[in-house]
Amino acid sequence: MLSIDPKSLPVPQLHGYLLGAIGPRPIAFASTIDENGHNNLAPFSFFNVFSANPPVLIFSPARSGRTNETKDTYNNVKRIPECVINIVSYDMVHQMSLASSPYSPEIDEFVKSGFTPLPSETVQPMRVAESPVQFECKVTEVKELGEGGGAGNLVICEVTRIHINEKVLDENGKIDQLKIDLVSRMGGNWYCRADKNSMFEVQKPLTTIGIGFDNLPDDIRNSAILTGNDLGILANVEELPNETDVNEYKLIELSDLFVKLEDNPIELEKELHKLAQSLLKENKVAEAWKTLLSFNN
């Protein structure tokens, strides 16, 4: 494994490693305004939500790694501490990229990128009409992390108003993760689209306490078939099936396999682990456990 002291690298190379490894990153498409009323619109992928009470978003318009100049967005929020963070969907990604061009401060990126400005209700900067969710924010603090090229500037924003396009809501009034069709940044020129082909669900153990890896039987934990993800699913159950249920499942569902391979226990164990793995892919965790435990019953 390559081991690196970040202080030994040129900033561009370090920047590349950071962005290549840490992703996908959500995008803050930030609109700001200067003291002369000029609109500015720029995307930043050093961004996330950090609090719900109060609602706080943070993004970082870093200093240029080439020139050490600060971004127009940074300059604007230092003068007018307000912004709108517009969320980026797939339908607007190329226009958003165009807005990241290094236009001079007096140039309106709404005009250059073809986005529709909407008046905000609680702040001066405009909203992007095409964005599915827009967060009006008061900038409560700007924390400079350094003075050299590549140094970040944390813009800490408290949300004062949220606008949500009703087209991205489900029947319960929640944001539908398929309808919102978000994009995020990867390394280099790469982006990621959060659609049905790239998303998957993992149930959070909010109220349950899994048995953990340490309580997996040795033959299962050391399986040559089951992956770390498979074992993670198995270890997330609160208790194992009882012996009666395992034997019943073995007689009804697995009898043919046991008869077929009764003289070849090594192959039988392998086939049971393969079957359990396929059951896990179908989210049939209880059946997978019964399959695995049947080998020693």
Protein backbone atom coordinates (compact mmCIF):
# COMPACT_ATOMS: atom_id res chain seq x y z
CA MET A 1 0.00 0.00 0.00
CA LEU A 2 1.25 3.47 -0.92
CA SER A 3 1.90 5.53 2.24
CA ILE A 4 2.20 9.30 1.82
CA ASP A 5 3.11 12.26 4.01
CA PRO A 6 0.75 14.98 2.66
CA LYS A 7 3.33 17.66 3.49
CA SER A 8 5.74 16.06 1.01
CA LEU A 9 3.43 16.49 -2.00
CA PRO A 10 2.84 19.47 -4.27
CA VAL A 11 -0.63 20.87 -3.59
CA PRO A 12 -2.05 19.89 -7.04
CA GLN A 13 -1.01 16.26 -6.52
CA LEU A 14 -2.39 16.19 -2.98
CA HIS A 15 -5.59 17.83 -4.23
CA GLY A 16 -5.94 15.08 -6.82
CA TYR A 17 -5.57 12.30 -4.25
CA LEU A 18 -8.10 13.94 -1.93
CA LEU A 19 -10.73 14.44 -4.62
CA GLY A 20 -10.11 11.06 -6.20
CA ALA A 21 -10.57 9.22 -2.92
CA ILE A 22 -13.27 11.24 -1.18
CA GLY A 23 -16.43 10.98 -3.21
CA PRO A 24 -19.06 11.17 -4.39
CA ARG A 25 -19.35 14.68 -3.00
CA PRO A 26 -22.63 16.64 -2.99
CA ILE A 27 -22.61 19.93 -4.86
CA ALA A 28 -23.49 23.33 -3.42
CA PHE A 29 -24.51 25.52 -6.34
CA ALA A 30 -24.12 28.78 -4.46
CA SER A 31 -25.62 32.07 -5.56
CA THR A 32 -24.30 35.24 -3.92
CA ILE A 33 -24.36 38.97 -4.54
CA ASP A 34 -21.77 41.73 -4.17
CA GLU A 35 -22.19 45.22 -2.75
CA ASN A 36 -22.96 46.55 -6.24
CA GLY A 37 -25.79 44.07 -6.83
CA HIS A 38 -23.89 41.78 -9.22
CA ASN A 39 -25.14 38.19 -9.17
CA ASN A 40 -22.66 35.34 -8.84
CA LEU A 41 -23.32 31.64 -9.27
CA ALA A 42 -20.73 28.90 -8.72
CA PRO A 43 -20.61 25.20 -7.76
CA PHE A 44 -18.57 23.79 -4.85
CA SER A 45 -18.18 20.13 -3.97
CA PHE A 46 -16.57 20.74 -0.58
CA PHE A 47 -20.08 20.78 0.88
CA ASN A 48 -22.48 19.04 3.24
CA VAL A 49 -25.20 19.44 5.88
CA PHE A 50 -23.93 19.54 9.47
CA SER A 51 -26.92 20.26 11.70
CA ALA A 52 -30.71 20.10 11.72
CA ASN A 53 -31.30 22.18 14.85
CA PRO A 54 -30.39 24.80 13.79
CA PRO A 55 -30.27 23.81 10.10
CA VAL A 56 -26.66 24.44 9.07
CA LEU A 57 -24.93 23.83 5.73
CA ILE A 58 -21.21 24.38 5.12
CA PHE A 59 -19.37 24.75 1.84
CA SER A 60 -15.81 25.79 1.05
CA PRO A 61 -14.73 28.07 -1.83
CA ALA A 62 -11.03 27.26 -1.61
CA ARG A 63 -8.21 29.53 -2.74
CA SER A 64 -6.93 28.83 -6.23
CA GLY A 65 -4.13 26.29 -6.19
CA ARG A 66 -2.55 28.04 -9.20
CA THR A 67 -2.86 31.72 -8.33
CA ASN A 68 -3.81 31.73 -4.62
CA GLU A 69 -6.66 34.08 -5.48
CA THR A 70 -9.93 33.85 -3.56
CA LYS A 71 -13.18 33.02 -5.33
CA ASP A 72 -15.83 35.63 -6.08
CA THR A 73 -18.20 33.65 -3.87
CA TYR A 74 -15.85 34.00 -0.89
CA ASN A 75 -15.39 37.72 -1.54
CA ASN A 76 -19.15 38.22 -1.80
CA VAL A 77 -20.16 36.46 1.43
CA LYS A 78 -17.52 38.43 3.33
CA ARG A 79 -19.27 41.61 2.19
CA ILE A 80 -22.90 40.47 1.99
CA PRO A 81 -23.19 37.47 4.38
CA GLU A 82 -26.03 35.74 2.54
CA CYS A 83 -26.33 33.04 -0.08
CA VAL A 84 -28.64 30.51 -1.68
CA ILE A 85 -27.45 26.93 -1.95
CA ASN A 86 -29.19 25.38 -4.94
CA ILE A 87 -29.18 21.59 -5.21
CA VAL A 88 -28.03 20.15 -8.55
CA SER A 89 -30.02 17.53 -10.46
CA TYR A 90 -28.91 15.62 -13.55
CA ASP A 91 -30.97 17.81 -15.89
CA MET A 92 -28.91 20.89 -15.02
CA VAL A 93 -25.39 19.47 -14.63
CA HIS A 94 -23.89 20.83 -17.86
CA GLN A 95 -25.26 24.31 -17.27
CA MET A 96 -23.89 24.15 -13.74
CA SER A 97 -20.45 23.20 -15.07
CA LEU A 98 -20.54 26.17 -17.44
CA ALA A 99 -21.19 28.47 -14.49
CA SER A 100 -17.89 27.31 -12.93
CA SER A 101 -15.94 29.12 -15.68
CA PRO A 102 -13.62 31.84 -14.29
CA TYR A 103 -15.75 34.80 -15.33
CA SER A 104 -14.83 38.22 -13.98
CA PRO A 105 -16.79 39.43 -10.91
CA GLU A 106 -19.17 41.71 -12.80
CA ILE A 107 -20.34 38.90 -15.13
CA ASP A 108 -23.70 37.34 -14.24
CA GLU A 109 -23.41 33.52 -14.36
CA PHE A 110 -27.20 33.25 -14.47
CA VAL A 111 -27.01 34.84 -17.90
CA LYS A 112 -23.92 32.92 -19.05
CA SER A 113 -25.24 29.51 -18.01
CA GLY A 114 -28.85 30.11 -18.99
CA PHE A 115 -30.41 29.61 -15.56
CA THR A 116 -33.55 31.43 -14.47
CA PRO A 117 -33.11 33.72 -11.43
CA LEU A 118 -35.88 33.73 -8.85
CA PRO A 119 -36.16 36.34 -6.08
CA SER A 120 -35.52 34.96 -2.61
CA GLU A 121 -37.77 35.66 0.37
CA THR A 122 -35.31 36.12 3.24
CA VAL A 123 -31.98 36.96 1.54
CA GLN A 124 -30.76 39.10 -1.34
CA PRO A 125 -29.11 36.53 -3.67
CA MET A 126 -31.29 34.97 -6.33
CA ARG A 127 -32.43 31.34 -6.42
CA VAL A 128 -31.98 29.01 -9.40
CA ALA A 129 -35.46 28.16 -10.68
CA GLU A 130 -34.27 24.94 -12.31
CA SER A 131 -32.90 23.55 -9.02
CA PRO A 132 -35.22 21.02 -7.32
CA VAL A 133 -34.38 22.31 -3.82
CA GLN A 134 -33.14 25.78 -2.87
CA PHE A 135 -31.86 26.78 0.57
CA GLU A 136 -31.88 30.45 1.45
CA CYS A 137 -29.12 31.04 4.02
CA LYS A 138 -27.63 33.61 6.33
CA VAL A 139 -23.85 33.25 6.54
CA THR A 140 -23.03 33.11 10.25
CA GLU A 141 -19.26 32.65 9.95
CA VAL A 142 -16.47 32.31 7.41
CA LYS A 143 -13.55 30.32 8.77
CA GLU A 144 -10.32 30.61 6.80
CA LEU A 145 -8.21 27.44 6.99
CA GLY A 146 -5.01 28.90 5.55
CA GLU A 147 -3.46 31.55 3.36
CA GLY A 148 -1.74 29.42 0.72
CA GLY A 149 -3.05 28.12 -2.59
CA GLY A 150 -5.60 25.36 -2.08
CA ALA A 151 -6.57 26.51 1.42
CA GLY A 152 -10.26 26.16 2.20
CA ASN A 153 -12.65 28.79 3.53
CA LEU A 154 -15.56 27.29 5.45
CA VAL A 155 -18.74 29.25 4.78
CA ILE A 156 -21.11 28.33 7.61
CA CYS A 157 -24.71 28.91 6.59
CA GLU A 158 -27.89 28.81 8.63
CA VAL A 159 -30.93 27.96 6.50
CA THR A 160 -33.67 30.59 6.70
CA ARG A 161 -36.05 29.25 4.04
CA ILE A 162 -36.35 26.05 1.99
CA HIS A 163 -38.02 25.79 -1.42
CA ILE A 164 -38.81 22.31 -2.78
CA ASN A 165 -40.20 21.52 -6.21
CA GLU A 166 -43.28 19.38 -5.55
CA LYS A 167 -42.37 17.16 -8.51
CA VAL A 168 -39.62 15.51 -6.43
CA LEU A 169 -41.93 14.63 -3.52
CA ASP A 170 -43.50 11.21 -2.94
CA GLU A 171 -47.07 10.51 -1.78
CA ASN A 172 -46.02 11.12 1.84
CA GLY A 173 -44.54 14.52 1.13
CA LYS A 174 -40.97 13.30 1.48
CA ILE A 175 -38.23 13.85 -1.10
CA ASP A 176 -38.17 10.83 -3.43
CA GLN A 177 -34.54 9.86 -4.02
CA LEU A 178 -35.34 8.61 -7.52
CA LYS A 179 -37.33 11.67 -8.56
CA ILE A 180 -34.78 14.22 -7.36
CA ASP A 181 -32.10 12.62 -9.59
CA LEU A 182 -29.09 14.15 -7.82
CA VAL A 183 -25.56 14.37 -9.18
CA SER A 184 -22.30 14.53 -7.26
CA ARG A 185 -18.62 15.14 -7.95
CA MET A 186 -15.90 12.54 -8.21
CA GLY A 187 -12.21 13.04 -9.06
CA GLY A 188 -11.02 14.76 -12.22
CA ASN A 189 -13.82 15.41 -14.71
CA TRP A 190 -16.00 12.65 -13.30
CA TYR A 191 -19.49 12.99 -11.86
CA CYS A 192 -21.89 10.46 -10.37
CA ARG A 193 -25.64 10.20 -10.92
CA ALA A 194 -27.80 8.92 -8.07
CA ASP A 195 -30.35 6.94 -10.09
CA LYS A 196 -31.98 3.54 -9.57
CA ASN A 197 -28.95 1.79 -11.09
CA SER A 198 -26.49 3.26 -8.58
CA MET A 199 -28.57 3.44 -5.39
CA PHE A 200 -29.31 0.68 -2.91
CA GLU A 201 -30.85 0.52 0.55
CA VAL A 202 -29.19 -0.54 3.80
CA GLN A 203 -31.48 -0.63 6.81
CA LYS A 204 -30.05 1.44 9.66
CA PRO A 205 -29.77 -0.33 13.04
CA LEU A 206 -31.36 2.59 14.87
CA THR A 207 -33.20 0.54 17.49
CA THR A 208 -31.68 -2.91 17.01
CA ILE A 209 -28.33 -4.24 18.20
CA GLY A 210 -26.78 -6.85 15.91
CA ILE A 211 -24.93 -9.88 17.24
CA GLY A 212 -21.72 -8.68 15.57
CA PHE A 213 -18.90 -10.45 13.73
CA ASP A 214 -17.51 -11.85 16.96
CA ASN A 215 -20.63 -13.96 17.46
CA LEU A 216 -20.62 -15.49 13.97
CA PRO A 217 -19.76 -19.21 13.97
CA ASP A 218 -16.17 -19.76 12.85
CA ASP A 219 -17.12 -21.70 9.72
CA ILE A 220 -19.31 -18.80 8.59
CA ARG A 221 -16.93 -16.00 9.56
CA ASN A 222 -14.08 -17.75 7.73
CA SER A 223 -16.13 -18.68 4.67
CA ALA A 224 -14.36 -18.67 1.32
CA ILE A 225 -17.69 -17.80 -0.34
CA LEU A 226 -19.32 -15.15 1.81
CA THR A 227 -18.05 -11.58 1.44
CA GLY A 228 -17.58 -8.92 4.09
CA ASN A 229 -20.91 -7.40 3.06
CA ASP A 230 -22.60 -10.80 3.38
CA LEU A 231 -21.17 -11.25 6.86
CA GLY A 232 -22.19 -7.71 7.78
CA ILE A 233 -25.80 -8.53 6.94
CA LEU A 234 -25.66 -11.78 8.90
CA ALA A 235 -24.06 -10.08 11.90
CA ASN A 236 -26.79 -7.43 11.96
CA VAL A 237 -29.49 -9.82 13.22
CA GLU A 238 -30.41 -9.62 16.89
CA GLU A 239 -30.65 -13.37 17.38
CA LEU A 240 -30.14 -16.61 15.46
CA PRO A 241 -32.95 -18.92 14.34
CA ASN A 242 -33.71 -21.62 16.88
CA GLU A 243 -32.74 -25.24 16.27
CA THR A 244 -36.31 -26.36 15.59
CA ASP A 245 -36.78 -23.80 12.81
CA VAL A 246 -33.41 -24.70 11.29
CA ASN A 247 -34.22 -28.44 11.23
CA GLU A 248 -37.67 -27.82 9.75
CA TYR A 249 -36.17 -25.63 7.01
CA LYS A 250 -33.51 -28.26 6.37
CA LEU A 251 -36.09 -31.03 5.88
CA ILE A 252 -38.42 -28.99 3.69
CA GLU A 253 -36.14 -26.73 1.65
CA LEU A 254 -32.69 -28.36 1.69
CA SER A 255 -33.33 -32.10 1.78
CA ASP A 256 -32.50 -32.67 -1.90
CA LEU A 257 -29.16 -30.90 -1.55
CA PHE A 258 -28.25 -32.90 1.57
CA VAL A 259 -29.15 -36.20 -0.11
CA LYS A 260 -27.21 -35.31 -3.25
CA LEU A 261 -24.03 -34.38 -1.39
CA GLU A 262 -24.26 -36.54 1.73
CA ASP A 263 -20.92 -38.18 0.93
CA ASN A 264 -19.12 -34.93 0.15
CA PRO A 265 -19.35 -32.59 3.17
CA ILE A 266 -16.81 -30.12 1.78
CA GLU A 267 -18.84 -29.59 -1.39
CA LEU A 268 -22.07 -29.54 0.63
CA GLU A 269 -20.80 -26.72 2.84
CA LYS A 270 -19.68 -24.78 -0.22
CA GLU A 271 -23.08 -25.14 -1.91
CA LEU A 272 -24.90 -24.11 1.27
CA HIS A 273 -22.78 -20.98 1.48
CA LYS A 274 -23.49 -20.18 -2.18
CA LEU A 275 -27.21 -20.68 -1.58
CA ALA A 276 -27.11 -18.48 1.51
CA GLN A 277 -25.34 -15.77 -0.46
CA SER A 278 -28.05 -15.82 -3.14
CA LEU A 279 -30.71 -15.58 -0.42
CA LEU A 280 -28.97 -12.56 1.07
CA LYS A 281 -29.08 -10.85 -2.32
CA GLU A 282 -32.86 -11.32 -2.18
CA ASN A 283 -32.90 -9.86 1.36
CA LYS A 284 -33.98 -13.24 2.78
CA VAL A 285 -31.76 -13.03 5.84
CA ALA A 286 -33.64 -15.53 8.02
CA GLU A 287 -33.59 -18.13 5.26
CA ALA A 288 -29.87 -17.53 4.71
CA TRP A 289 -29.19 -18.11 8.39
CA LYS A 290 -31.22 -21.33 8.42
CA THR A 291 -29.32 -22.52 5.36
CA LEU A 292 -25.94 -21.87 6.96
CA LEU A 293 -26.83 -23.36 10.33
CA SER A 294 -28.30 -26.50 8.74
CA PHE A 295 -24.79 -27.78 7.97
CA ASN A 296 -24.03 -28.59 11.60
CA ASN A 297 -27.57 -29.63 12.58
